[in-house]
Protein backbone atom coordinates (compact mmCIF):
# COMPACT_ATOMS: atom_id res chain seq x y z
CA MET A 1 48.64 173.33 113.85
CA LEU A 2 48.57 173.40 117.39
CA ILE A 3 50.59 173.66 120.58
CA GLN A 4 49.40 172.65 123.72
CA TYR A 5 50.15 172.29 126.66
CA GLU A 6 50.16 168.34 127.94
CA PRO A 7 50.67 168.79 132.39
CA SER A 8 49.58 165.10 132.45
CA LEU A 9 52.64 164.22 130.50
CA PHE A 10 54.72 167.07 131.47
CA ARG A 11 55.54 168.51 128.25
CA SER A 12 53.80 170.48 125.45
CA ALA A 13 53.12 169.01 121.68
CA ALA A 14 52.64 169.12 119.01
CA TYR A 15 49.61 168.43 116.93
CA ASP A 16 49.34 168.48 112.52
CA GLY A 17 45.08 167.19 113.07
CA ALA A 18 44.98 163.82 115.08
CA GLN A 19 48.81 163.92 113.97
CA GLU A 20 51.37 164.37 116.93
CA ILE A 21 55.09 166.26 115.09
CA GLY A 22 56.37 167.70 117.83
CA GLU A 23 57.20 167.77 121.69
CA CYS A 24 58.75 169.64 124.83
CA CYS A 25 58.98 167.82 127.60
CA TYR A 26 60.20 168.89 131.22
CA SER A 27 60.86 167.59 134.79
CA VAL A 28 60.22 169.05 138.12
CA SER A 29 61.94 169.40 140.87
CA GLY A 30 60.76 170.98 144.04
CA ASN A 31 60.42 175.23 141.85
CA ILE A 32 62.11 174.25 138.77
CA TRP A 33 61.11 172.81 135.92
CA THR A 34 64.14 171.48 133.75
CA ILE A 35 63.50 171.01 129.76
CA TYR A 36 66.04 168.68 128.75
CA HIS A 37 64.46 166.81 125.61
CA THR A 38 62.93 168.96 122.37
CA GLU A 39 62.05 168.21 118.80
CA VAL A 40 60.38 168.00 116.04
CA ASP A 41 59.42 165.95 113.40
CA PRO A 42 62.58 167.06 110.71
CA ALA A 43 59.32 167.68 107.31
CA TYR A 44 57.77 171.05 109.86
CA GLY A 45 61.56 171.98 110.60
CA GLY A 46 62.28 175.91 109.74
CA GLN A 47 58.21 177.21 110.68
CA GLY A 48 59.13 178.01 114.21
CA ILE A 49 57.51 174.81 115.78
CA ALA A 50 60.23 173.69 118.24
CA ARG A 51 60.35 178.01 119.53
CA LYS A 52 56.05 177.47 119.95
CA LEU A 53 57.18 174.59 122.02
CA VAL A 54 59.73 175.80 124.66
CA LEU A 55 57.46 178.52 125.28
CA ALA A 56 54.16 176.79 125.80
CA VAL A 57 56.93 175.67 129.15
CA LYS A 58 57.77 178.62 129.64
CA GLU A 59 54.91 180.59 129.63
CA ALA A 60 52.76 177.98 132.19
CA ALA A 61 56.79 178.23 134.69
CA ASP A 62 55.20 181.49 134.85
CA GLU A 63 51.56 181.10 135.75
CA ALA A 64 53.04 178.26 138.08
CA GLY A 65 55.36 180.39 139.84
CA ALA A 66 58.30 177.69 139.47
CA ASP A 67 61.43 178.34 137.61
CA VAL A 68 63.08 176.71 134.41
CA THR A 69 66.09 175.80 133.88
CA SER A 70 66.95 173.21 131.03
CA THR A 71 69.56 170.43 130.04
CA CYS A 72 68.44 170.24 125.89
CA SER A 73 71.39 173.20 123.67
CA TYR A 74 67.59 174.69 122.17
CA ALA A 75 66.07 174.65 125.13
CA TYR A 76 68.58 176.56 126.80
CA LYS A 77 68.89 179.12 123.39
CA VAL A 78 65.84 179.75 122.77
CA LEU A 79 65.22 180.38 126.79
CA GLY A 80 68.79 182.76 126.09
CA ARG A 81 70.41 181.00 129.58
């Protein structure tokens, strides 16, 4: 299992070998990153992958000095706001 931050695609993605199994997508407006979609293949559910995807975006935003918000209900729950 690989969680990879992909800035050129504005997302983090999860891979099982060469197969993409999840993603967390965001948009950027000024200094605010908005997570709008998080999804993991149901076959991989219950492994904490979605949480890791959200946290990968949050970590990248923190490193960039950006604030993170969410319109994705799952990411909102993970971020605690």
